[in-house]
Protein backbone atom coordinates (compact mmCIF):
# COMPACT_ATOMS: atom_id res chain seq x y z
CA MET A 1 -0.01 0.01 0.01
CA THR A 2 1.04 3.59 -0.66
CA ALA A 3 0.17 6.20 1.93
CA THR A 4 -1.96 9.15 0.76
CA PRO A 5 -2.47 12.49 2.49
CA PRO A 6 -5.51 12.37 4.84
CA SER A 7 -8.64 14.53 4.66
CA LYS A 8 -8.58 14.84 0.87
CA GLN A 9 -11.90 15.24 -0.92
CA SER A 10 -13.05 12.03 -2.59
CA PRO A 11 -14.64 11.61 -6.02
CA VAL A 12 -18.15 10.29 -6.44
CA LYS A 13 -18.88 6.78 -5.14
CA VAL A 14 -21.71 4.32 -4.53
CA PRO A 15 -23.20 4.48 -1.01
CA LEU A 16 -22.95 0.91 0.34
CA VAL A 17 -25.50 -0.76 2.63
CA THR A 18 -25.38 -0.20 6.40
CA ASP A 19 -28.82 -1.66 7.23
CA VAL A 20 -30.24 -5.18 6.98
CA TRP A 21 -32.59 -5.48 3.96
CA GLY A 22 -35.26 -8.03 3.18
CA VAL A 23 -35.56 -9.81 -0.15
CA PHE A 24 -37.91 -7.31 -1.80
CA LYS A 25 -35.95 -4.25 -0.69
CA THR A 26 -32.82 -5.97 -1.98
CA LEU A 27 -34.50 -6.66 -5.33
CA ILE A 28 -35.77 -3.09 -5.71
CA GLU A 29 -32.40 -1.56 -4.96
CA ALA A 30 -30.49 -4.12 -7.08
CA ARG A 31 -32.59 -3.33 -10.12
CA LYS A 32 -31.61 0.33 -9.70
CA ASN A 33 -27.91 -0.36 -9.07
CA VAL A 34 -26.41 -3.76 -8.33
CA LEU A 35 -23.57 -2.25 -6.32
CA SER A 36 -25.99 -0.58 -3.93
CA ILE A 37 -26.71 -3.96 -2.28
CA ILE A 38 -23.07 -4.49 -1.23
CA PRO A 39 -22.74 -4.04 2.56
CA GLU A 40 -20.29 -1.40 3.80
CA LEU A 41 -18.88 -4.28 5.89
CA ALA A 42 -17.44 -5.68 2.62
CA THR A 43 -14.82 -2.92 2.71
CA LEU A 44 -13.73 -3.96 6.24
CA GLN A 45 -13.97 -7.76 6.48
CA PRO A 46 -12.24 -10.58 4.53
CA ILE A 47 -15.53 -12.41 3.93
CA ILE A 48 -19.19 -11.85 4.73
CA SER A 49 -22.01 -14.33 4.29
CA GLY A 50 -25.79 -14.27 4.26
CA ARG A 51 -28.92 -15.88 3.01
CA VAL A 52 -31.67 -14.61 0.72
CA ALA A 53 -34.72 -16.89 0.71
CA TRP A 54 -33.03 -20.35 0.40
CA VAL A 55 -29.87 -19.15 -1.33
CA ASN A 56 -26.62 -18.93 0.65
CA TRP A 57 -24.26 -16.22 -0.54
CA HIS A 58 -20.69 -15.19 0.31
CA MET A 59 -18.83 -12.02 -0.58
CA VAL A 60 -15.08 -12.62 -0.65
CA MET A 61 -12.51 -9.84 -0.23
CA ASP A 62 -9.56 -11.91 1.10
CA PRO A 63 -6.88 -11.91 -1.66
CA SER A 64 -5.68 -15.42 -0.77
CA ALA A 65 -9.24 -16.75 -0.99
CA ILE A 66 -9.78 -14.90 -4.27
CA GLN A 67 -6.67 -16.56 -5.66
CA HIS A 68 -8.14 -19.88 -4.64
CA ILE A 69 -11.39 -19.11 -6.51
CA LEU A 70 -9.88 -17.66 -9.68
CA ARG A 71 -6.77 -19.82 -10.00
CA ASP A 72 -6.14 -22.68 -7.60
CA ASN A 73 -9.65 -24.21 -7.63
CA LEU A 74 -11.04 -22.67 -10.79
CA GLU A 75 -13.11 -25.71 -11.88
CA ASN A 76 -15.13 -25.53 -8.65
CA TYR A 77 -16.28 -21.98 -9.37
CA PRO A 78 -17.78 -21.61 -12.88
CA LYS A 79 -19.64 -18.45 -13.78
CA SER A 80 -23.02 -18.25 -12.12
CA ASP A 81 -26.15 -19.34 -13.98
CA VAL A 82 -27.48 -15.77 -13.70
CA VAL A 83 -24.51 -14.43 -15.67
CA LYS A 84 -24.79 -17.17 -18.28
CA ASN A 85 -28.56 -16.70 -18.75
CA THR A 86 -28.13 -12.95 -19.03
CA LEU A 87 -25.41 -12.98 -21.68
CA GLU A 88 -25.97 -16.20 -23.64
CA PRO A 89 -28.75 -14.77 -25.90
CA ALA A 90 -26.35 -12.05 -26.99
CA ILE A 91 -22.99 -13.82 -27.29
CA GLY A 92 -23.84 -17.51 -27.25
CA ASP A 93 -21.49 -20.04 -25.70
CA SER A 94 -18.50 -17.86 -26.53
CA LEU A 95 -15.17 -17.43 -24.85
CA PHE A 96 -16.63 -15.17 -22.16
CA ILE A 97 -19.18 -17.63 -20.74
CA ALA A 98 -18.06 -21.05 -21.95
CA GLU A 99 -16.72 -23.50 -19.40
CA GLY A 100 -14.38 -26.50 -19.25
CA ALA A 101 -12.98 -28.01 -22.42
CA HIS A 102 -15.14 -25.80 -24.67
CA TRP A 103 -13.68 -22.72 -23.03
CA ARG A 104 -10.11 -24.03 -23.10
CA TRP A 105 -9.97 -24.71 -26.81
CA GLN A 106 -11.55 -21.33 -27.67
CA ARG A 107 -9.03 -19.60 -25.44
CA ARG A 108 -6.14 -21.34 -27.09
CA ALA A 109 -7.48 -20.49 -30.54
CA ALA A 110 -8.06 -16.81 -29.76
CA ALA A 111 -4.91 -16.14 -27.71
CA PRO A 112 -2.71 -15.24 -30.74
CA VAL A 113 -5.22 -12.55 -31.75
CA PHE A 114 -4.09 -10.44 -28.81
CA SER A 115 -0.34 -10.99 -29.08
CA PRO A 116 1.86 -7.92 -28.61
CA ARG A 117 2.68 -8.00 -32.33
CA ASN A 118 -0.97 -7.95 -33.41
CA ILE A 119 -1.80 -5.21 -30.89
CA ALA A 120 1.04 -3.07 -32.32
CA ASN A 121 -0.23 -3.71 -35.84
CA LEU A 122 -3.71 -2.54 -34.89
CA ALA A 123 -2.61 0.44 -32.78
CA PRO A 124 -2.64 2.97 -35.67
CA ILE A 125 -6.43 2.54 -35.74
CA MET A 126 -6.51 3.60 -32.10
CA GLY A 127 -4.50 6.70 -32.93
CA ALA A 128 -6.80 7.52 -35.82
CA SER A 129 -9.77 7.25 -33.48
CA ALA A 130 -8.09 9.65 -31.03
CA ASP A 131 -7.59 12.12 -33.88
CA ALA A 132 -11.21 11.75 -34.96
CA SER A 133 -12.32 12.46 -31.40
CA CYS A 134 -10.21 15.65 -31.34
CA ALA A 135 -11.81 16.68 -34.63
CA ARG A 136 -15.29 16.26 -33.09
CA LEU A 137 -14.26 18.23 -29.99
CA GLY A 138 -12.93 21.05 -32.17
CA ASP A 139 -12.18 24.11 -30.08
CA GLY A 140 -14.09 22.65 -27.14
CA SER A 141 -17.37 23.63 -25.53
CA PRO A 142 -18.75 24.74 -22.16
CA ARG A 143 -20.46 21.36 -21.87
CA ILE A 144 -19.67 18.06 -23.60
CA ASP A 145 -20.73 14.56 -22.53
CA MET A 146 -17.36 12.84 -22.65
CA TYR A 147 -18.96 9.45 -21.98
CA ALA A 148 -20.89 9.70 -25.25
CA GLU A 149 -17.74 10.91 -26.98
CA MET A 150 -15.64 8.03 -25.67
CA ILE A 151 -18.33 5.54 -26.73
CA SER A 152 -17.97 6.94 -30.27
CA ALA A 153 -14.16 6.84 -30.12
CA THR A 154 -13.88 3.27 -28.90
CA PHE A 155 -16.57 2.03 -31.26
CA ASP A 156 -14.60 3.55 -34.12
CA VAL A 157 -11.67 1.40 -32.96
CA ILE A 158 -13.58 -1.87 -32.57
CA SER A 159 -15.49 -1.31 -35.85
CA ASP A 160 -12.35 -0.66 -37.88
CA ILE A 161 -10.41 -3.43 -36.19
CA THR A 162 -13.26 -5.87 -36.68
CA PHE A 163 -14.44 -4.96 -40.15
CA SER A 164 -11.56 -2.94 -41.58
CA GLY A 165 -13.46 0.29 -41.94
CA SER A 166 -16.50 -1.33 -43.55
CA ASP A 167 -19.75 0.60 -43.28
CA VAL A 168 -21.74 -2.48 -42.33
CA LEU A 169 -22.05 -1.37 -38.73
CA ASP A 170 -23.68 1.83 -37.59
CA SER A 171 -22.17 2.99 -34.29
CA ASP A 172 -25.33 4.53 -32.87
CA GLU A 173 -27.48 1.60 -33.94
CA VAL A 174 -25.22 -1.03 -32.42
CA HIS A 175 -24.66 0.82 -29.16
CA ARG A 176 -28.41 1.40 -28.93
CA ALA A 177 -28.92 -2.34 -29.42
CA ILE A 178 -26.45 -3.16 -26.65
CA ASP A 179 -27.99 -0.57 -24.36
CA ASN A 180 -31.52 -1.91 -24.97
CA TYR A 181 -30.40 -5.45 -24.38
CA ILE A 182 -28.68 -4.65 -21.12
CA GLU A 183 -31.66 -2.60 -19.94
CA GLN A 184 -34.04 -5.43 -20.84
CA VAL A 185 -32.20 -8.51 -19.58
CA GLY A 186 -29.33 -7.27 -17.46
CA ARG A 187 -31.24 -6.20 -14.39
CA VAL A 188 -31.70 -8.56 -11.45
CA SER A 189 -34.91 -10.56 -11.39
CA ILE A 190 -36.76 -11.56 -8.23
CA PHE A 191 -36.35 -15.12 -9.50
CA ASP A 192 -32.58 -14.68 -9.43
CA VAL A 193 -32.66 -13.27 -5.88
CA ILE A 194 -34.66 -16.12 -4.40
CA GLY A 195 -32.73 -18.74 -6.37
CA LEU A 196 -35.46 -20.30 -8.54
CA PRO A 197 -34.07 -22.80 -11.09
CA THR A 198 -32.65 -21.14 -14.16
CA TRP A 199 -34.98 -23.11 -16.52
CA ILE A 200 -37.91 -21.04 -15.20
CA PRO A 201 -38.15 -18.14 -17.71
CA ARG A 202 -37.38 -14.64 -16.43
CA PRO A 203 -40.08 -12.35 -17.85
CA SER A 204 -37.57 -9.67 -18.91
CA ARG A 205 -35.45 -12.24 -20.75
CA VAL A 206 -38.06 -14.05 -22.84
CA LEU A 207 -37.97 -11.71 -25.82
CA GLN A 208 -34.75 -10.77 -27.59
CA PRO A 209 -34.60 -7.10 -28.66
CA SER A 210 -35.02 -6.77 -32.41
CA ALA A 211 -32.01 -4.46 -32.58
CA LEU A 212 -29.83 -7.22 -31.10
CA LYS A 213 -31.18 -9.71 -33.66
CA GLN A 214 -30.21 -7.28 -36.38
CA THR A 215 -26.68 -6.91 -34.93
CA LYS A 216 -26.29 -10.72 -34.88
CA ALA A 217 -27.49 -10.85 -38.49
CA ILE A 218 -24.85 -8.23 -39.44
CA ALA A 219 -22.14 -10.28 -37.71
CA ASN A 220 -23.29 -13.44 -39.50
CA SER A 221 -23.17 -11.62 -42.81
CA ALA A 222 -19.66 -10.32 -42.09
CA VAL A 223 -18.41 -13.84 -41.35
CA ARG A 224 -19.94 -15.21 -44.54
CA ASN A 225 -18.59 -12.40 -46.70
CA ARG A 226 -15.07 -12.70 -45.28
CA ALA A 227 -15.08 -16.46 -45.77
CA ALA A 228 -15.91 -15.82 -49.43
CA SER A 229 -13.50 -12.92 -50.03
CA GLY A 230 -10.54 -14.13 -47.99
CA PRO A 231 -8.33 -12.24 -45.48
CA ARG A 232 -7.17 -8.63 -45.88
CA ASN A 233 -3.59 -7.68 -46.59
CA VAL A 234 -3.29 -6.39 -43.02
CA PRO A 235 -5.35 -8.92 -41.00
CA ASP A 236 -8.09 -7.45 -38.82
CA LEU A 237 -9.76 -9.04 -35.80
CA LEU A 238 -12.16 -11.13 -37.91
CA ASP A 239 -9.26 -12.45 -40.05
CA LEU A 240 -7.27 -13.32 -36.95
CA LEU A 241 -10.20 -15.13 -35.34
CA MET A 242 -10.84 -17.06 -38.55
CA ALA A 243 -7.17 -18.06 -38.73
CA GLY A 244 -7.04 -18.99 -35.03
CA GLU A 245 -6.45 -22.66 -34.32
CA ASP A 246 -6.26 -24.74 -31.17
CA LEU A 247 -2.70 -26.07 -31.38
CA LYS A 248 -3.69 -29.19 -29.40
CA THR A 249 -6.72 -30.26 -31.41
CA LYS A 250 -6.23 -28.28 -34.68
CA ARG A 251 -9.81 -27.16 -34.29
CA LYS A 252 -10.96 -23.82 -35.70
CA MET A 253 -14.09 -21.81 -34.91
CA ASN A 254 -17.15 -22.50 -37.03
CA ALA A 255 -19.39 -19.72 -38.34
CA SER A 256 -21.59 -19.46 -35.22
CA GLU A 257 -18.57 -19.51 -32.88
CA LEU A 258 -16.92 -16.81 -34.94
CA ARG A 259 -20.07 -14.72 -34.78
CA ASP A 260 -20.50 -15.13 -31.03
CA ASN A 261 -16.88 -14.31 -30.25
CA LEU A 262 -16.95 -11.39 -32.65
CA LEU A 263 -20.00 -10.01 -30.80
CA THR A 264 -18.28 -10.66 -27.47
CA PHE A 265 -15.34 -8.42 -28.47
CA ILE A 266 -17.71 -5.79 -29.93
CA VAL A 267 -19.91 -5.69 -26.82
CA ALA A 268 -17.16 -5.99 -24.24
CA GLY A 269 -14.29 -4.51 -26.16
CA HIS A 270 -15.56 -1.06 -26.79
CA GLU A 271 -17.82 -0.15 -23.88
CA THR A 272 -15.44 -1.20 -21.09
CA THR A 273 -12.63 0.93 -22.57
CA ALA A 274 -15.04 3.81 -23.13
CA LEU A 275 -16.05 3.60 -19.47
CA THR A 276 -12.42 3.60 -18.32
CA LEU A 277 -11.65 6.66 -20.42
CA SER A 278 -14.83 8.46 -19.33
CA TRP A 279 -14.13 7.95 -15.64
CA ALA A 280 -10.44 8.89 -16.16
CA LEU A 281 -11.47 12.21 -17.72
CA TYR A 282 -13.89 12.84 -14.85
CA LEU A 283 -11.10 12.17 -12.36
CA CYS A 284 -8.69 14.45 -14.27
CA ALA A 285 -11.29 17.19 -14.07
CA PHE A 286 -11.80 16.36 -10.40
CA ASP A 287 -8.08 16.74 -9.64
CA PRO A 288 -6.45 19.46 -11.79
CA VAL A 289 -3.04 18.74 -10.27
CA VAL A 290 -3.12 15.18 -11.62
CA GLN A 291 -4.40 16.50 -14.94
CA ASP A 292 -1.54 18.96 -15.23
CA LYS A 293 1.03 16.28 -14.42
CA LEU A 294 -0.57 13.95 -16.94
CA ARG A 295 -0.59 16.62 -19.64
CA ALA A 296 3.04 17.47 -19.00
CA GLU A 297 4.00 13.81 -19.56
CA ALA A 298 1.85 13.51 -22.70
CA GLN A 299 3.15 16.72 -24.27
CA ASN A 300 6.75 15.82 -23.46
CA VAL A 301 6.44 12.34 -24.99
CA LEU A 302 4.25 13.20 -27.95
CA ASN A 303 5.50 16.70 -28.85
CA GLY A 304 2.21 17.51 -30.59
CA ARG A 305 1.68 14.24 -32.44
CA THR A 306 -0.75 11.40 -31.89
CA ALA A 307 0.25 8.66 -29.42
CA THR A 308 1.42 5.28 -30.75
CA ALA A 309 1.88 1.83 -29.27
CA GLU A 310 5.58 2.52 -29.02
CA ASP A 311 4.86 5.54 -26.80
CA CYS A 312 3.05 3.48 -24.19
CA ALA A 313 6.26 2.43 -22.44
CA ASN A 314 7.07 6.09 -21.84
CA LEU A 315 3.54 7.09 -20.81
CA THR A 316 4.03 5.70 -17.32
CA TYR A 317 1.99 8.26 -15.41
CA THR A 318 -0.81 7.86 -17.98
CA LYS A 319 -0.90 4.14 -17.07
CA GLN A 320 -0.93 5.03 -13.37
CA VAL A 321 -3.98 7.27 -13.86
CA LEU A 322 -5.73 4.53 -15.82
CA ASN A 323 -4.96 1.92 -13.14
CA GLU A 324 -6.27 4.21 -10.39
CA THR A 325 -9.38 4.83 -12.48
CA LEU A 326 -9.87 1.08 -12.84
CA ARG A 327 -9.45 0.72 -9.08
CA LEU A 328 -12.10 3.29 -8.26
CA TYR A 329 -14.49 2.47 -11.14
CA PRO A 330 -13.88 -1.05 -12.42
CA PRO A 331 -16.18 -1.64 -15.44
CA ALA A 332 -16.82 -5.24 -14.32
CA ALA A 333 -17.40 -4.42 -10.67
CA LEU A 334 -18.86 -7.72 -9.45
CA ILE A 335 -17.90 -11.34 -10.22
CA SER A 336 -20.41 -14.06 -9.46
CA ARG A 337 -19.67 -17.83 -9.24
CA THR A 338 -21.61 -20.91 -8.20
CA ALA A 339 -19.75 -23.42 -6.00
CA GLN A 340 -19.90 -26.97 -7.34
CA SER A 341 -18.63 -28.82 -4.26
CA HIS A 342 -17.73 -28.24 -0.66
CA ASP A 343 -14.82 -25.86 -0.02
CA VAL A 344 -13.39 -23.54 2.57
CA LEU A 345 -12.71 -19.82 1.97
CA SER A 346 -11.26 -17.67 4.75
CA ASP A 347 -12.21 -20.30 7.31
CA ARG A 348 -15.81 -20.20 6.04
CA ASP A 349 -17.53 -23.37 4.84
CA ILE A 350 -18.79 -23.16 1.26
CA LYS A 351 -21.50 -25.62 0.27
CA PRO A 352 -22.40 -26.87 -3.20
CA LYS A 353 -24.68 -24.36 -5.07
CA ASP A 354 -23.73 -21.47 -2.76
CA THR A 355 -23.29 -18.22 -4.60
CA VAL A 356 -19.77 -16.88 -4.22
CA MET A 357 -19.23 -13.26 -5.21
CA ILE A 358 -16.12 -11.16 -5.54
CA PRO A 359 -17.37 -7.56 -5.20
CA ILE A 360 -14.47 -5.92 -7.03
CA TYR A 361 -15.87 -2.49 -6.28
CA ALA A 362 -15.58 -3.19 -2.54
CA LEU A 363 -12.29 -5.08 -2.88
CA HIS A 364 -10.71 -2.06 -4.55
CA ARG A 365 -11.89 0.14 -1.68
CA HIS A 366 -11.06 -2.26 1.16
CA HIS A 367 -9.52 -0.50 4.16
CA ALA A 368 -7.16 -3.34 4.98
CA LEU A 369 -5.77 -3.39 1.45
CA TRP A 370 -5.60 0.32 0.47
CA ASP A 371 -4.77 3.47 2.43
CA ASN A 372 -7.54 6.10 2.16
CA PRO A 373 -9.29 3.83 -0.33
CA ASP A 374 -11.95 6.28 -1.56
CA GLU A 375 -9.39 8.88 -2.63
CA PHE A 376 -8.00 9.38 -6.09
CA ASN A 377 -4.22 8.88 -5.99
CA PRO A 378 -2.40 7.56 -9.12
CA ASP A 379 0.81 7.31 -7.05
CA ARG A 380 -0.59 4.04 -5.66
CA PHE A 381 0.60 2.55 -8.94
CA GLY A 382 4.02 4.24 -9.11
CA GLU A 383 7.18 2.30 -9.80
CA ASP A 384 7.90 1.58 -6.14
CA ALA A 385 4.29 1.03 -5.03
CA ARG A 386 3.18 -2.41 -3.98
CA HIS A 387 -0.18 -4.10 -3.52
CA ASP A 388 -1.41 -7.65 -3.30
CA ARG A 389 -1.92 -9.04 -6.82
CA PHE A 390 -5.39 -10.33 -5.93
CA ALA A 391 -6.43 -7.02 -4.38
CA PHE A 392 -6.56 -5.34 -7.79
CA LEU A 393 -8.66 -7.16 -10.37
CA PRO A 394 -9.91 -4.86 -13.13
CA PHE A 395 -9.42 -7.64 -15.67
CA GLY A 396 -9.89 -10.60 -13.33
CA ASP A 397 -7.01 -13.02 -12.89
CA GLY A 398 -6.01 -16.63 -13.25
CA PRO A 399 -6.57 -18.66 -16.37
CA ARG A 400 -9.71 -16.59 -17.19
CA VAL A 401 -8.01 -13.23 -16.95
CA CYS A 402 -9.39 -10.92 -19.69
CA ILE A 403 -7.79 -12.03 -22.93
CA ALA A 404 -7.87 -8.46 -24.30
CA ALA A 405 -6.43 -6.71 -21.19
CA GLN A 406 -3.28 -5.46 -22.95
CA PHE A 407 -5.25 -4.43 -26.00
CA ALA A 408 -7.58 -2.36 -23.81
CA MET A 409 -4.76 -0.70 -21.90
CA THR A 410 -2.90 0.18 -25.10
CA GLU A 411 -6.03 1.72 -26.55
CA ALA A 412 -6.79 3.66 -23.37
CA GLN A 413 -3.21 5.02 -23.13
CA ILE A 414 -3.17 6.14 -26.74
CA ILE A 415 -6.53 7.90 -26.58
CA LEU A 416 -6.12 9.48 -23.12
CA ALA A 417 -2.60 10.77 -23.77
CA THR A 418 -3.60 12.24 -27.16
CA LEU A 419 -6.70 13.97 -25.73
CA ILE A 420 -5.05 15.29 -22.58
CA SER A 421 -2.12 16.71 -24.57
CA ARG A 422 -4.53 18.88 -26.56
CA TYR A 423 -7.43 19.65 -24.23
CA LYS A 424 -8.20 20.79 -20.71
CA PHE A 425 -11.14 19.18 -18.91
CA GLU A 426 -13.05 20.91 -16.10
CA ARG A 427 -15.95 19.95 -13.88
CA ILE A 428 -19.33 21.65 -14.16
CA ASP A 429 -21.04 22.49 -10.87
CA GLY A 430 -23.94 20.21 -10.05
CA LEU A 431 -23.21 17.77 -12.91
CA ASN A 432 -21.27 14.98 -11.26
CA PRO A 433 -21.72 11.51 -12.79
CA LYS A 434 -23.44 8.85 -10.67
CA PRO A 435 -21.78 5.40 -10.68
CA VAL A 436 -24.51 2.86 -11.49
CA MET A 437 -23.97 -0.78 -12.35
CA VAL A 438 -26.30 -2.95 -14.36
CA LEU A 439 -23.86 -5.22 -16.16
CA THR A 440 -21.05 -2.59 -16.25
CA LEU A 441 -20.28 0.39 -14.04
CA ARG A 442 -21.64 3.35 -15.96
CA PRO A 443 -21.77 7.09 -15.25
CA GLU A 444 -25.50 7.81 -15.02
CA GLY A 445 -26.14 11.17 -16.60
CA GLY A 446 -22.92 10.95 -18.61
CA VAL A 447 -19.64 12.70 -17.88
CA GLN A 448 -20.48 16.34 -18.46
CA LEU A 449 -17.33 18.44 -18.65
CA LYS A 450 -16.16 21.82 -19.88
CA VAL A 451 -13.61 21.18 -22.63
CA SER A 452 -11.13 23.79 -23.92
CA LYS A 453 -8.02 23.59 -26.14
CA VAL A 454 -4.60 24.11 -24.58
């Protein structure tokens, strides 16, 4: 841990629970914001347990126990049925939700896609997106929603990287489809809370939004067309996925697996990075001293040009700011697993079918793991700073660590450094974002900032 000065004002946060709630109160609050049902005690204790109806649950904040869940005893803790039922209609049995052998071969086949070499080859698209964002910002404005702007910027990246600049995807249409889908199926159902079997239909998940069906049809069409036309001279994400092969079995993805994994990277790959950038810009506006230091680094390294992948090694403070942003506002702020057999976590008995959660939002603000945990301090991630590896999990860990973590960090560094070198971002009184989690931790109301050229 790195000590931070006391009595410093803290950025916006989610108020955690201090009272005991019944099942219906829990449901009502969870549908508004999943994080609002996390007890404040989760930032103080290594593990807390409870029971809702006939479902036993455990929230785990002990790094050694988390290592056990995510790495040492991974097979005992598959993703929860709630997570699978929520996401499967959108992304099928893809890499994100598959388990066991089906997950392992997909992981092996997709791993080369995100090699350092391929990330470097795709990085110019990230720089072009940063330039396009600057063009949209122009000379700035007294009020710009930087969350909406970052959604556009990161979708430009994923669209160009996926379809090589094709016009088959409309950014607003696809993001609207994702938004509608999450709003329709991503909120907690009373059936989930009381633990009814997953084969009982959840009313909000019976119908698939038509916009999502259209997006899946577009992805299917893209796979068919690429199979007919062959790969591009500079392979894009779709080419790399189609070429991917499990070295052990020589198996390649079929058309439906390609589509589902393509949609996984579109859905997860652009919004999570957009959220990180949006929250980072809010925090830079919140702390002008950090923003000035960040700008000094960016201007010194870039000297007026757009950031590249090669610059990332020298943009060290930029990475610190992004890591501290991910600590305070992790896009995937809650991990849910279902125990398959008896186990022990932090001296607590875990029974088969118990729900085991890692509340990453609370873990990242735990008082035993971080000094002044609610404060914004990028120096926590300085060269000499130390923290427990399993106390900081923005991308998960273990064999199922996010396969695109380095891709996302490279993209975020390139876009943030380019923007901050050219613009100043300031808060607007009374327009603070509100952290709200449905499936991801979003800024409700957007990130409204005053933007001016420097």
